[in-house]
């Protein structure tokens, strides 16, 4: 299971590498993209990218381009199915919320009927 920051970074990496075999992404680019929602420090980003690599979402190579660090990222099979995994998680969450609401209504109706029958 990915953390919120890992999901957000993976969404950006997925968006950048969607139609390509691999792409070059600078850490500064990822941090600036994530700045609207999360504060990610360079050492934390390094850990996030390594974790995504360990979890088989991406294949990660670190390099330098004109003196600045760059990630060469290519999506693995699990990374290519990341968007589908997100939509399935959202669908399952909506199913659980809907089922809980229906069961709460049924419980309220049964409780009201029991109150009417036994406490009249």
PDB file of N, CA and C in Angstrom:
ATOM      1  N   UNK A   1       0.853  -1.179   0.000  1.00  0.00           N
ATOM      2  CA  UNK A   1       0.000   0.000   0.000  1.00  0.00           C
ATOM      3  C   UNK A   1       0.897   1.240   0.000  1.00  0.00           C
ATOM      4  N   UNK A   2       0.598   2.142  -0.864  1.00  0.00           N
ATOM      5  CA  UNK A   2       1.392   3.360  -0.979  1.00  0.00           C
ATOM      6  C   UNK A   2       0.868   4.433  -0.034  1.00  0.00           C
ATOM      7  N   UNK A   3       1.774   5.270   0.445  1.00  0.00           N
ATOM      8  CA  UNK A   3       1.372   6.406   1.263  1.00  0.00           C
ATOM      9  C   UNK A   3       0.807   7.494   0.350  1.00  0.00           C
ATOM     10  N   UNK A   4       0.252   8.539   0.947  1.00  0.00           N
ATOM     11  CA  UNK A   4      -0.330   9.623   0.155  1.00  0.00           C
ATOM     12  C   UNK A   4       0.726  10.301  -0.715  1.00  0.00           C
ATOM     13  N   UNK A   5       1.879  10.558  -0.147  1.00  0.00           N
ATOM     14  CA  UNK A   5       2.941  11.213  -0.917  1.00  0.00           C
ATOM     15  C   UNK A   5       3.442  10.314  -2.035  1.00  0.00           C
ATOM     16  N   UNK A   6       3.579   9.023  -1.753  1.00  0.00           N
ATOM     17  CA  UNK A   6       4.018   8.093  -2.788  1.00  0.00           C
ATOM     18  C   UNK A   6       3.014   8.010  -3.923  1.00  0.00           C
ATOM     19  N   UNK A   7       1.733   8.008  -3.593  1.00  0.00           N
ATOM     20  CA  UNK A   7       0.700   7.993  -4.632  1.00  0.00           C
ATOM     21  C   UNK A   7       0.772   9.252  -5.488  1.00  0.00           C
ATOM     22  N   UNK A   8       0.964  10.387  -4.830  1.00  0.00           N
ATOM     23  CA  UNK A   8       0.998  11.650  -5.566  1.00  0.00           C
ATOM     24  C   UNK A   8       2.207  11.714  -6.494  1.00  0.00           C
ATOM     25  N   UNK A   9       3.350  11.261  -6.010  1.00  0.00           N
ATOM     26  CA  UNK A   9       4.555  11.231  -6.844  1.00  0.00           C
ATOM     27  C   UNK A   9       4.377  10.220  -7.969  1.00  0.00           C
ATOM     28  N   UNK A  10       3.779   9.070  -7.665  1.00  0.00           N
ATOM     29  CA  UNK A  10       3.573   8.046  -8.688  1.00  0.00           C
ATOM     30  C   UNK A  10       2.596   8.517  -9.751  1.00  0.00           C
ATOM     31  N   UNK A  11       1.579   9.275  -9.365  1.00  0.00           N
ATOM     32  CA  UNK A  11       0.658   9.847 -10.348  1.00  0.00           C
ATOM     33  C   UNK A  11       1.402  10.744 -11.326  1.00  0.00           C
ATOM     34  N   UNK A  12       2.319  11.560 -10.808  1.00  0.00           N
ATOM     35  CA  UNK A  12       3.084  12.459 -11.667  1.00  0.00           C
ATOM     36  C   UNK A  12       4.025  11.671 -12.574  1.00  0.00           C
ATOM     37  N   UNK A  13       4.698  10.674 -12.033  1.00  0.00           N
ATOM     38  CA  UNK A  13       5.605   9.855 -12.830  1.00  0.00           C
ATOM     39  C   UNK A  13       4.813   9.100 -13.901  1.00  0.00           C
ATOM     40  N   UNK A  14       3.658   8.586 -13.541  1.00  0.00           N
ATOM     41  CA  UNK A  14       2.799   7.880 -14.504  1.00  0.00           C
ATOM     42  C   UNK A  14       2.373   8.821 -15.626  1.00  0.00           C
ATOM     43  N   UNK A  15       2.005  10.035 -15.276  1.00  0.00           N
ATOM     44  CA  UNK A  15       1.591  11.029 -16.260  1.00  0.00           C
ATOM     45  C   UNK A  15       2.738  11.354 -17.215  1.00  0.00           C
ATOM     46  N   UNK A  16       3.950  11.477 -16.691  1.00  0.00           N
ATOM     47  CA  UNK A  16       5.102  11.819 -17.532  1.00  0.00           C
ATOM     48  C   UNK A  16       5.513  10.657 -18.442  1.00  0.00           C
ATOM     49  N   UNK A  17       5.400   9.435 -17.965  1.00  0.00           N
ATOM     50  CA  UNK A  17       5.882   8.263 -18.704  1.00  0.00           C
ATOM     51  C   UNK A  17       4.763   7.493 -19.407  1.00  0.00           C
ATOM     52  N   UNK A  18       3.607   8.059 -19.492  1.00  0.00           N
ATOM     53  CA  UNK A  18       2.442   7.314 -19.953  1.00  0.00           C
ATOM     54  C   UNK A  18       2.615   6.714 -21.352  1.00  0.00           C
ATOM     55  N   UNK A  19       3.073   7.461 -22.321  1.00  0.00           N
ATOM     56  CA  UNK A  19       3.160   6.964 -23.687  1.00  0.00           C
ATOM     57  C   UNK A  19       4.593   6.635 -24.101  1.00  0.00           C
ATOM     58  N   UNK A  20       5.509   6.645 -23.164  1.00  0.00           N
ATOM     59  CA  UNK A  20       6.915   6.419 -23.481  1.00  0.00           C
ATOM     60  C   UNK A  20       7.424   5.210 -22.720  1.00  0.00           C
ATOM     61  N   UNK A  21       8.517   4.653 -23.205  1.00  0.00           N
ATOM     62  CA  UNK A  21       9.154   3.552 -22.479  1.00  0.00           C
ATOM     63  C   UNK A  21       9.858   4.068 -21.240  1.00  0.00           C
ATOM     64  N   UNK A  22      10.514   5.217 -21.350  1.00  0.00           N
ATOM     65  CA  UNK A  22      11.195   5.819 -20.197  1.00  0.00           C
ATOM     66  C   UNK A  22      11.235   7.326 -20.378  1.00  0.00           C
ATOM     67  N   UNK A  23      11.491   8.023 -19.288  1.00  0.00           N
ATOM     68  CA  UNK A  23      11.560   9.476 -19.351  1.00  0.00           C
ATOM     69  C   UNK A  23      12.541   9.995 -18.307  1.00  0.00           C
ATOM     70  N   UNK A  24      13.010  11.196 -18.523  1.00  0.00           N
ATOM     71  CA  UNK A  24      13.908  11.862 -17.589  1.00  0.00           C
ATOM     72  C   UNK A  24      13.108  12.871 -16.776  1.00  0.00           C
ATOM     73  N   UNK A  25      13.226  12.770 -15.472  1.00  0.00           N
ATOM     74  CA  UNK A  25      12.506  13.669 -14.575  1.00  0.00           C
ATOM     75  C   UNK A  25      13.494  14.178 -13.537  1.00  0.00           C
ATOM     76  N   UNK A  26      13.529  15.481 -13.361  1.00  0.00           N
ATOM     77  CA  UNK A  26      14.419  16.038 -12.344  1.00  0.00           C
ATOM     78  C   UNK A  26      13.693  16.050 -10.996  1.00  0.00           C
ATOM     79  N   UNK A  27      14.439  15.886  -9.918  1.00  0.00           N
ATOM     80  CA  UNK A  27      13.817  15.939  -8.590  1.00  0.00           C
ATOM     81  C   UNK A  27      13.140  17.285  -8.331  1.00  0.00           C
ATOM     82  N   UNK A  28      13.729  18.357  -8.850  1.00  0.00           N
ATOM     83  CA  UNK A  28      13.151  19.685  -8.679  1.00  0.00           C
ATOM     84  C   UNK A  28      11.762  19.755  -9.335  1.00  0.00           C
ATOM     85  N   UNK A  29      11.621  19.096 -10.469  1.00  0.00           N
ATOM     86  CA  UNK A  29      10.347  19.074 -11.187  1.00  0.00           C
ATOM     87  C   UNK A  29       9.269  18.357 -10.364  1.00  0.00           C
ATOM     88  N   UNK A  30       9.626  17.249  -9.764  1.00  0.00           N
ATOM     89  CA  UNK A  30       8.669  16.494  -8.946  1.00  0.00           C
ATOM     90  C   UNK A  30       8.302  17.275  -7.690  1.00  0.00           C
ATOM     91  N   UNK A  31       9.292  17.869  -7.052  1.00  0.00           N
ATOM     92  CA  UNK A  31       9.037  18.639  -5.831  1.00  0.00           C
ATOM     93  C   UNK A  31       8.155  19.848  -6.122  1.00  0.00           C
ATOM     94  N   UNK A  32       8.402  20.526  -7.242  1.00  0.00           N
ATOM     95  CA  UNK A  32       7.570  21.692  -7.573  1.00  0.00           C
ATOM     96  C   UNK A  32       6.152  21.273  -7.931  1.00  0.00           C
ATOM     97  N   UNK A  33       5.991  20.110  -8.551  1.00  0.00           N
ATOM     98  CA  UNK A  33       4.640  19.627  -8.847  1.00  0.00           C
ATOM     99  C   UNK A  33       3.890  19.277  -7.563  1.00  0.00           C
ATOM    100  N   UNK A  34       4.596  18.667  -6.619  1.00  0.00           N
ATOM    101  CA  UNK A  34       3.964  18.246  -5.372  1.00  0.00           C
ATOM    102  C   UNK A  34       3.777  19.395  -4.391  1.00  0.00           C
ATOM    103  N   UNK A  35       4.357  20.555  -4.674  1.00  0.00           N
ATOM    104  CA  UNK A  35       4.321  21.676  -3.732  1.00  0.00           C
ATOM    105  C   UNK A  35       2.909  22.190  -3.473  1.00  0.00           C
ATOM    106  N   UNK A  36       1.980  22.002  -4.409  1.00  0.00           N
ATOM    107  CA  UNK A  36       0.620  22.496  -4.195  1.00  0.00           C
ATOM    108  C   UNK A  36      -0.135  21.671  -3.156  1.00  0.00           C
ATOM    109  N   UNK A  37       0.288  20.435  -2.912  1.00  0.00           N
ATOM    110  CA  UNK A  37      -0.413  19.589  -1.961  1.00  0.00           C
ATOM    111  C   UNK A  37       0.453  19.137  -0.781  1.00  0.00           C
ATOM    112  N   UNK A  38       1.698  18.809  -1.043  1.00  0.00           N
ATOM    113  CA  UNK A  38       2.585  18.284  -0.013  1.00  0.00           C
ATOM    114  C   UNK A  38       3.911  19.022  -0.026  1.00  0.00           C
ATOM    115  N   UNK A  39       4.582  19.014   1.115  1.00  0.00           N
ATOM    116  CA  UNK A  39       5.947  19.518   1.199  1.00  0.00           C
ATOM    117  C   UNK A  39       6.858  18.296   1.176  1.00  0.00           C
ATOM    118  N   UNK A  40       7.639  18.180   0.119  1.00  0.00           N
ATOM    119  CA  UNK A  40       8.551  17.048  -0.027  1.00  0.00           C
ATOM    120  C   UNK A  40       9.965  17.597  -0.110  1.00  0.00           C
ATOM    121  N   UNK A  41      10.820  17.104   0.763  1.00  0.00           N
ATOM    122  CA  UNK A  41      12.227  17.492   0.763  1.00  0.00           C
ATOM    123  C   UNK A  41      13.010  16.543  -0.135  1.00  0.00           C
ATOM    124  N   UNK A  42      14.163  16.993  -0.639  1.00  0.00           N
ATOM    125  CA  UNK A  42      14.933  16.146  -1.568  1.00  0.00           C
ATOM    126  C   UNK A  42      15.302  14.773  -1.014  1.00  0.00           C
ATOM    127  N   UNK A  43      15.681  14.690   0.245  1.00  0.00           N
ATOM    128  CA  UNK A  43      16.018  13.374   0.802  1.00  0.00           C
ATOM    129  C   UNK A  43      14.782  12.488   0.950  1.00  0.00           C
ATOM    130  N   UNK A  44      13.640  13.114   1.227  1.00  0.00           N
ATOM    131  CA  UNK A  44      12.383  12.378   1.311  1.00  0.00           C
ATOM    132  C   UNK A  44      11.958  11.885  -0.074  1.00  0.00           C
ATOM    133  N   UNK A  45      12.181  12.717  -1.099  1.00  0.00           N
ATOM    134  CA  UNK A  45      11.865  12.309  -2.468  1.00  0.00           C
ATOM    135  C   UNK A  45      12.735  11.127  -2.885  1.00  0.00           C
ATOM    136  N   UNK A  46      13.978  11.171  -2.479  1.00  0.00           N
ATOM    137  CA  UNK A  46      14.892  10.058  -2.777  1.00  0.00           C
ATOM    138  C   UNK A  46      14.346   8.751  -2.200  1.00  0.00           C
ATOM    139  N   UNK A  47      13.861   8.817  -0.972  1.00  0.00           N
ATOM    140  CA  UNK A  47      13.292   7.635  -0.316  1.00  0.00           C
ATOM    141  C   UNK A  47      12.017   7.183  -1.017  1.00  0.00           C
ATOM    142  N   UNK A  48      11.169   8.127  -1.408  1.00  0.00           N
ATOM    143  CA  UNK A  48       9.923   7.793  -2.100  1.00  0.00           C
ATOM    144  C   UNK A  48      10.213   7.093  -3.425  1.00  0.00           C
ATOM    145  N   UNK A  49      11.152   7.643  -4.186  1.00  0.00           N
ATOM    146  CA  UNK A  49      11.478   7.042  -5.480  1.00  0.00           C
ATOM    147  C   UNK A  49      12.082   5.649  -5.300  1.00  0.00           C
ATOM    148  N   UNK A  50      12.907   5.480  -4.285  1.00  0.00           N
ATOM    149  CA  UNK A  50      13.488   4.166  -4.003  1.00  0.00           C
ATOM    150  C   UNK A  50      12.405   3.174  -3.598  1.00  0.00           C
ATOM    151  N   UNK A  51      11.453   3.612  -2.787  1.00  0.00           N
ATOM    152  CA  UNK A  51      10.352   2.738  -2.376  1.00  0.00           C
ATOM    153  C   UNK A  51       9.490   2.332  -3.564  1.00  0.00           C
ATOM    154  N   UNK A  52       9.232   3.270  -4.475  1.00  0.00           N
ATOM    155  CA  UNK A  52       8.466   2.931  -5.672  1.00  0.00           C
ATOM    156  C   UNK A  52       9.212   1.907  -6.512  1.00  0.00           C
ATOM    157  N   UNK A  53      10.524   2.022  -6.533  1.00  0.00           N
ATOM    158  CA  UNK A  53      11.340   1.053  -7.254  1.00  0.00           C
ATOM    159  C   UNK A  53      11.297  -0.309  -6.570  1.00  0.00           C
ATOM    160  N   UNK A  54      11.382  -0.330  -5.243  1.00  0.00           N
ATOM    161  CA  UNK A  54      11.318  -1.593  -4.501  1.00  0.00           C
ATOM    162  C   UNK A  54       9.961  -2.272  -4.651  1.00  0.00           C
ATOM    163  N   UNK A  55       8.894  -1.475  -4.755  1.00  0.00           N
ATOM    164  CA  UNK A  55       7.548  -2.018  -4.893  1.00  0.00           C
ATOM    165  C   UNK A  55       7.197  -2.402  -6.326  1.00  0.00           C
ATOM    166  N   UNK A  56       8.178  -2.349  -7.227  1.00  0.00           N
ATOM    167  CA  UNK A  56       8.035  -2.750  -8.634  1.00  0.00           C
ATOM    168  C   UNK A  56       7.067  -1.873  -9.434  1.00  0.00           C
ATOM    169  N   UNK A  57       6.955  -0.616  -9.082  1.00  0.00           N
ATOM    170  CA  UNK A  57       6.181   0.315  -9.894  1.00  0.00           C
ATOM    171  C   UNK A  57       7.046   0.911 -11.002  1.00  0.00           C
ATOM    172  N   UNK A  58       8.293   1.215 -10.674  1.00  0.00           N
ATOM    173  CA  UNK A  58       9.181   1.863 -11.638  1.00  0.00           C
ATOM    174  C   UNK A  58      10.555   1.211 -11.613  1.00  0.00           C
ATOM    175  N   UNK A  59      11.283   1.429 -12.697  1.00  0.00           N
ATOM    176  CA  UNK A  59      12.693   1.102 -12.734  1.00  0.00           C
ATOM    177  C   UNK A  59      13.418   2.435 -12.694  1.00  0.00           C
ATOM    178  N   UNK A  60      14.328   2.599 -11.763  1.00  0.00           N
ATOM    179  CA  UNK A  60      14.905   3.895 -11.471  1.00  0.00           C
ATOM    180  C   UNK A  60      16.418   3.877 -11.663  1.00  0.00           C
ATOM    181  N   UNK A  61      16.901   4.858 -12.432  1.00  0.00           N
ATOM    182  CA  UNK A  61      18.333   5.085 -12.579  1.00  0.00           C
ATOM    183  C   UNK A  61      18.594   6.544 -12.254  1.00  0.00           C
ATOM    184  N   UNK A  62      19.615   6.788 -11.461  1.00  0.00           N
ATOM    185  CA  UNK A  62      19.969   8.157 -11.092  1.00  0.00           C
ATOM    186  C   UNK A  62      21.152   8.595 -11.937  1.00  0.00           C
ATOM    187  N   UNK A  63      21.082   9.830 -12.416  1.00  0.00           N
ATOM    188  CA  UNK A  63      22.155  10.346 -13.267  1.00  0.00           C
ATOM    189  C   UNK A  63      22.299  11.845 -13.037  1.00  0.00           C
ATOM    190  N   UNK A  64      23.266  12.448 -13.709  1.00  0.00           N
ATOM    191  CA  UNK A  64      23.467  13.892 -13.666  1.00  0.00           C
ATOM    192  C   UNK A  64      23.321  14.456 -15.072  1.00  0.00           C
ATOM    193  N   UNK A  65      22.664  15.580 -15.157  1.00  0.00           N
ATOM    194  CA  UNK A  65      22.517  16.276 -16.433  1.00  0.00           C
ATOM    195  C   UNK A  65      22.953  17.707 -16.200  1.00  0.00           C
ATOM    196  N   UNK A  66      24.096  18.055 -16.733  1.00  0.00           N
ATOM    197  CA  UNK A  66      24.676  19.392 -16.557  1.00  0.00           C
ATOM    198  C   UNK A  66      24.833  19.750 -15.086  1.00  0.00           C
ATOM    199  N   UNK A  67      25.246  18.781 -14.301  1.00  0.00           N
ATOM    200  CA  UNK A  67      25.520  19.030 -12.894  1.00  0.00           C
ATOM    201  C   UNK A  67      24.324  18.916 -11.967  1.00  0.00           C
ATOM    202  N   UNK A  68      23.122  18.736 -12.488  1.00  0.00           N
ATOM    203  CA  UNK A  68      21.948  18.594 -11.628  1.00  0.00           C
ATOM    204  C   UNK A  68      21.455  17.143 -11.700  1.00  0.00           C
ATOM    205  N   UNK A  69      20.958  16.614 -10.596  1.00  0.00           N
ATOM    206  CA  UNK A  69      20.509  15.215 -10.589  1.00  0.00           C
ATOM    207  C   UNK A  69      19.246  15.024 -11.422  1.00  0.00           C
ATOM    208  N   UNK A  70      19.176  13.857 -12.056  1.00  0.00           N
ATOM    209  CA  UNK A  70      18.033  13.509 -12.906  1.00  0.00           C
ATOM    210  C   UNK A  70      17.706  12.041 -12.673  1.00  0.00           C
ATOM    211  N   UNK A  71      16.419  11.727 -12.655  1.00  0.00           N
ATOM    212  CA  UNK A  71      15.970  10.344 -12.572  1.00  0.00           C
ATOM    213  C   UNK A  71      15.599   9.867 -13.966  1.00  0.00           C
ATOM    214  N   UNK A  72      16.122   8.731 -14.356  1.00  0.00           N
ATOM    215  CA  UNK A  72      15.670   8.066 -15.574  1.00  0.00           C
ATOM    216  C   UNK A  72      14.682   7.001 -15.112  1.00  0.00           C
ATOM    217  N   UNK A  73      13.431   7.180 -15.462  1.00  0.00           N
ATOM    218  CA  UNK A  73      12.357   6.343 -14.933  1.00  0.00           C
ATOM    219  C   UNK A  73      11.684   5.607 -16.078  1.00  0.00           C
ATOM    220  N   UNK A  74      11.474   4.321 -15.898  1.00  0.00           N
ATOM    221  CA  UNK A  74      10.643   3.550 -16.820  1.00  0.00           C
ATOM    222  C   UNK A  74       9.640   2.758 -15.991  1.00  0.00           C
ATOM    223  N   UNK A  75       8.425   2.703 -16.491  1.00  0.00           N
ATOM    224  CA  UNK A  75       7.348   2.025 -15.766  1.00  0.00           C
ATOM    225  C   UNK A  75       7.470   0.518 -15.928  1.00  0.00           C
ATOM    226  N   UNK A  76       7.257  -0.193 -14.838  1.00  0.00           N
ATOM    227  CA  UNK A  76       7.176  -1.644 -14.882  1.00  0.00           C
ATOM    228  C   UNK A  76       5.710  -2.026 -15.059  1.00  0.00           C
ATOM    229  N   UNK A  77       5.430  -3.313 -15.098  1.00  0.00           N
ATOM    230  CA  UNK A  77       4.052  -3.775 -15.307  1.00  0.00           C
ATOM    231  C   UNK A  77       3.108  -3.238 -14.232  1.00  0.00           C
ATOM    232  N   UNK A  78       3.547  -3.261 -12.997  1.00  0.00           N
ATOM    233  CA  UNK A  78       2.717  -2.751 -11.902  1.00  0.00           C
ATOM    234  C   UNK A  78       2.526  -1.243 -12.034  1.00  0.00           C
ATOM    235  N   UNK A  79       3.543  -0.545 -12.519  1.00  0.00           N
ATOM    236  CA  UNK A  79       3.443   0.895 -12.727  1.00  0.00           C
ATOM    237  C   UNK A  79       2.505   1.243 -13.864  1.00  0.00           C
ATOM    238  N   UNK A  80       2.483   0.409 -14.904  1.00  0.00           N
ATOM    239  CA  UNK A  80       1.576   0.657 -16.019  1.00  0.00           C
ATOM    240  C   UNK A  80       0.118   0.462 -15.611  1.00  0.00           C
ATOM    241  N   UNK A  81      -0.114  -0.394 -14.634  1.00  0.00           N
ATOM    242  CA  UNK A  81      -1.471  -0.619 -14.140  1.00  0.00           C
ATOM    243  C   UNK A  81      -1.831   0.255 -12.960  1.00  0.00           C
ATOM    244  N   UNK A  82      -1.024   1.262 -12.669  1.00  0.00           N
ATOM    245  CA  UNK A  82      -1.243   2.119 -11.502  1.00  0.00           C
ATOM    246  C   UNK A  82      -2.573   2.861 -11.583  1.00  0.00           C
ATOM    247  N   UNK A  83      -2.897   3.411 -12.740  1.00  0.00           N
ATOM    248  CA  UNK A  83      -4.147   4.171 -12.894  1.00  0.00           C
ATOM    249  C   UNK A  83      -5.348   3.264 -12.658  1.00  0.00           C
ATOM    250  N   UNK A  84      -5.274   2.050 -13.169  1.00  0.00           N
ATOM    251  CA  UNK A  84      -6.366   1.092 -12.971  1.00  0.00           C
ATOM    252  C   UNK A  84      -6.497   0.741 -11.492  1.00  0.00           C
ATOM    253  N   UNK A  85      -5.378   0.593 -10.814  1.00  0.00           N
ATOM    254  CA  UNK A  85      -5.394   0.298  -9.384  1.00  0.00           C
ATOM    255  C   UNK A  85      -6.058   1.431  -8.602  1.00  0.00           C
ATOM    256  N   UNK A  86      -5.761   2.679  -8.981  1.00  0.00           N
ATOM    257  CA  UNK A  86      -6.393   3.823  -8.311  1.00  0.00           C
ATOM    258  C   UNK A  86      -7.898   3.828  -8.512  1.00  0.00           C
ATOM    259  N   UNK A  87      -8.342   3.596  -9.740  1.00  0.00           N
ATOM    260  CA  UNK A  87      -9.787   3.596  -9.999  1.00  0.00           C
ATOM    261  C   UNK A  87     -10.472   2.441  -9.271  1.00  0.00           C
ATOM    262  N   UNK A  88      -9.822   1.276  -9.198  1.00  0.00           N
ATOM    263  CA  UNK A  88     -10.406   0.157  -8.452  1.00  0.00           C
ATOM    264  C   UNK A  88     -10.493   0.474  -6.966  1.00  0.00           C
ATOM    265  N   UNK A  89      -9.478   1.122  -6.419  1.00  0.00           N
ATOM    266  CA  UNK A  89      -9.512   1.508  -5.001  1.00  0.00           C
ATOM    267  C   UNK A  89     -10.636   2.504  -4.728  1.00  0.00           C
ATOM    268  N   UNK A  90     -10.822   3.456  -5.631  1.00  0.00           N
ATOM    269  CA  UNK A  90     -11.912   4.429  -5.460  1.00  0.00           C
ATOM    270  C   UNK A  90     -13.269   3.743  -5.556  1.00  0.00           C
ATOM    271  N   UNK A  91     -13.408   2.812  -6.496  1.00  0.00           N
ATOM    272  CA  UNK A  91     -14.663   2.085  -6.660  1.00  0.00           C
ATOM    273  C   UNK A  91     -14.964   1.261  -5.409  1.00  0.00           C
ATOM    274  N   UNK A  92     -13.955   0.589  -4.871  1.00  0.00           N
ATOM    275  CA  UNK A  92     -14.154  -0.202  -3.654  1.00  0.00           C
ATOM    276  C   UNK A  92     -14.515   0.677  -2.468  1.00  0.00           C
ATOM    277  N   UNK A  93     -13.884   1.839  -2.368  1.00  0.00           N
ATOM    278  CA  UNK A  93     -14.201   2.766  -1.286  1.00  0.00           C
ATOM    279  C   UNK A  93     -15.649   3.251  -1.392  1.00  0.00           C
ATOM    280  N   UNK A  94     -16.079   3.596  -2.600  1.00  0.00           N
ATOM    281  CA  UNK A  94     -17.461   4.048  -2.784  1.00  0.00           C
ATOM    282  C   UNK A  94     -18.448   2.912  -2.461  1.00  0.00           C
ATOM    283  N   UNK A  95     -18.096   1.677  -2.826  1.00  0.00           N
ATOM    284  CA  UNK A  95     -18.935   0.533  -2.515  1.00  0.00           C
ATOM    285  C   UNK A  95     -19.070   0.370  -0.994  1.00  0.00           C
ATOM    286  N   UNK A  96     -17.963   0.486  -0.268  1.00  0.00           N
ATOM    287  CA  UNK A  96     -18.009   0.341   1.184  1.00  0.00           C
ATOM    288  C   UNK A  96     -18.822   1.452   1.842  1.00  0.00           C
ATOM    289  N   UNK A  97     -18.669   2.680   1.372  1.00  0.00           N
ATOM    290  CA  UNK A  97     -19.424   3.803   1.927  1.00  0.00           C
ATOM    291  C   UNK A  97     -20.919   3.633   1.633  1.00  0.00           C
ATOM    292  N   UNK A  98     -21.238   3.251   0.403  1.00  0.00           N
ATOM    293  CA  UNK A  98     -22.640   3.041   0.034  1.00  0.00           C
ATOM    294  C   UNK A  98     -23.274   1.922   0.835  1.00  0.00           C
ATOM    295  N   UNK A  99     -22.550   0.820   0.980  1.00  0.00           N
ATOM    296  CA  UNK A  99     -23.070  -0.303   1.749  1.00  0.00           C
ATOM    297  C   UNK A  99     -23.276   0.089   3.210  1.00  0.00           C
ATOM    298  N   UNK A 100     -22.358   0.854   3.776  1.00  0.00           N
ATOM    299  CA  UNK A 100     -22.494   1.297   5.166  1.00  0.00           C
ATOM    300  C   UNK A 100     -23.712   2.186   5.337  1.00  0.00           C
ATOM    301  N   UNK A 101     -23.956   3.070   4.379  1.00  0.00           N
ATOM    302  CA  UNK A 101     -25.132   3.953   4.456  1.00  0.00           C
ATOM    303  C   UNK A 101     -26.423   3.148   4.384  1.00  0.00           C
ATOM    304  N   UNK A 102     -26.488   2.183   3.469  1.00  0.00           N
ATOM    305  CA  UNK A 102     -27.684   1.349   3.336  1.00  0.00           C
ATOM    306  C   UNK A 102     -27.918   0.547   4.611  1.00  0.00           C
ATOM    307  N   UNK A 103     -26.866  -0.030   5.163  1.00  0.00           N
ATOM    308  CA  UNK A 103     -27.020  -0.794   6.404  1.00  0.00           C
ATOM    309  C   UNK A 103     -27.423   0.098   7.572  1.00  0.00           C
ATOM    310  N   UNK A 104     -26.946   1.332   7.599  1.00  0.00           N
ATOM    311  CA  UNK A 104     -27.349   2.261   8.658  1.00  0.00           C
ATOM    312  C   UNK A 104     -28.836   2.584   8.558  1.00  0.00           C
ATOM    313  N   UNK A 105     -29.328   2.778   7.338  1.00  0.00           N
ATOM    314  CA  UNK A 105     -30.759   3.059   7.143  1.00  0.00           C
ATOM    315  C   UNK A 105     -31.591   1.849   7.554  1.00  0.00           C
ATOM    316  N   UNK A 106     -31.170   0.657   7.146  1.00  0.00           N
ATOM    317  CA  UNK A 106     -31.899  -0.564   7.510  1.00  0.00           C
ATOM    318  C   UNK A 106     -31.914  -0.742   9.028  1.00  0.00           C
ATOM    319  N   UNK A 107     -30.791  -0.487   9.679  1.00  0.00           N
ATOM    320  CA  UNK A 107     -30.716  -0.593  11.134  1.00  0.00           C
ATOM    321  C   UNK A 107     -31.657   0.403  11.801  1.00  0.00           C
ATOM    322  N   UNK A 108     -31.716   1.621  11.283  1.00  0.00           N
ATOM    323  CA  UNK A 108     -32.619   2.627  11.848  1.00  0.00           C
ATOM    324  C   UNK A 108     -34.079   2.205  11.681  1.00  0.00           C
ATOM    325  N   UNK A 109     -34.415   1.641  10.545  1.00  0.00           N
ATOM    326  CA  UNK A 109     -35.797   1.198  10.300  1.00  0.00           C
ATOM    327  C   UNK A 109     -36.158   0.051  11.240  1.00  0.00           C
ATOM    328  N   UNK A 110     -35.256  -0.918  11.371  1.00  0.00           N
ATOM    329  CA  UNK A 110     -35.526  -2.053  12.259  1.00  0.00           C
ATOM    330  C   UNK A 110     -35.613  -1.577  13.714  1.00  0.00           C
ATOM    331  N   UNK A 111     -34.746  -0.663  14.112  1.00  0.00           N
ATOM    332  CA  UNK A 111     -34.800  -0.119  15.469  1.00  0.00           C
ATOM    333  C   UNK A 111     -36.114   0.609  15.719  1.00  0.00           C
ATOM    334  N   UNK A 112     -36.571   1.359  14.720  1.00  0.00           N
ATOM    335  CA  UNK A 112     -37.862   2.044  14.862  1.00  0.00           C
ATOM    336  C   UNK A 112     -39.019   1.068  14.965  1.00  0.00           C
ATOM    337  N   UNK A 113     -38.977  -0.006  14.168  1.00  0.00           N
ATOM    338  CA  UNK A 113     -40.035  -1.028  14.248  1.00  0.00           C
ATOM    339  C   UNK A 113     -40.034  -1.731  15.596  1.00  0.00           C
ATOM    340  N   UNK A 114     -38.869  -2.050  16.110  1.00  0.00           N
ATOM    341  CA  UNK A 114     -38.793  -2.698  17.423  1.00  0.00           C
ATOM    342  C   UNK A 114     -39.312  -1.764  18.500  1.00  0.00           C
ATOM    343  N   UNK A 115     -39.010  -0.499  18.392  1.00  0.00           N
ATOM    344  CA  UNK A 115     -39.492   0.489  19.369  1.00  0.00           C
ATOM    345  C   UNK A 115     -41.016   0.586  19.323  1.00  0.00           C
ATOM    346  N   UNK A 116     -41.584   0.563  18.115  1.00  0.00           N
ATOM    347  CA  UNK A 116     -43.041   0.644  17.967  1.00  0.00           C
ATOM    348  C   UNK A 116     -43.707  -0.603  18.502  1.00  0.00           C
ATOM    349  N   UNK A 117     -43.136  -1.771  18.197  1.00  0.00           N
ATOM    350  CA  UNK A 117     -43.761  -3.034  18.590  1.00  0.00           C
ATOM    351  C   UNK A 117     -43.690  -3.250  20.103  1.00  0.00           C
ATOM    352  N   UNK A 118     -42.562  -3.063  20.716  1.00  0.00           N
ATOM    353  CA  UNK A 118     -42.389  -3.444  22.118  1.00  0.00           C
ATOM    354  C   UNK A 118     -42.613  -2.306  23.122  1.00  0.00           C
ATOM    355  N   UNK A 119     -42.518  -1.089  22.711  1.00  0.00           N
ATOM    356  CA  UNK A 119     -42.635   0.011  23.671  1.00  0.00           C
ATOM    357  C   UNK A 119     -43.852   0.873  23.397  1.00  0.00           C
ATOM    358  N   UNK A 120     -44.936   0.289  23.032  1.00  0.00           N
ATOM    359  CA  UNK A 120     -46.164   1.033  22.776  1.00  0.00           C
ATOM    360  C   UNK A 120     -46.909   1.302  24.006  1.00  0.00           C
TER     361      UNK A 120
END
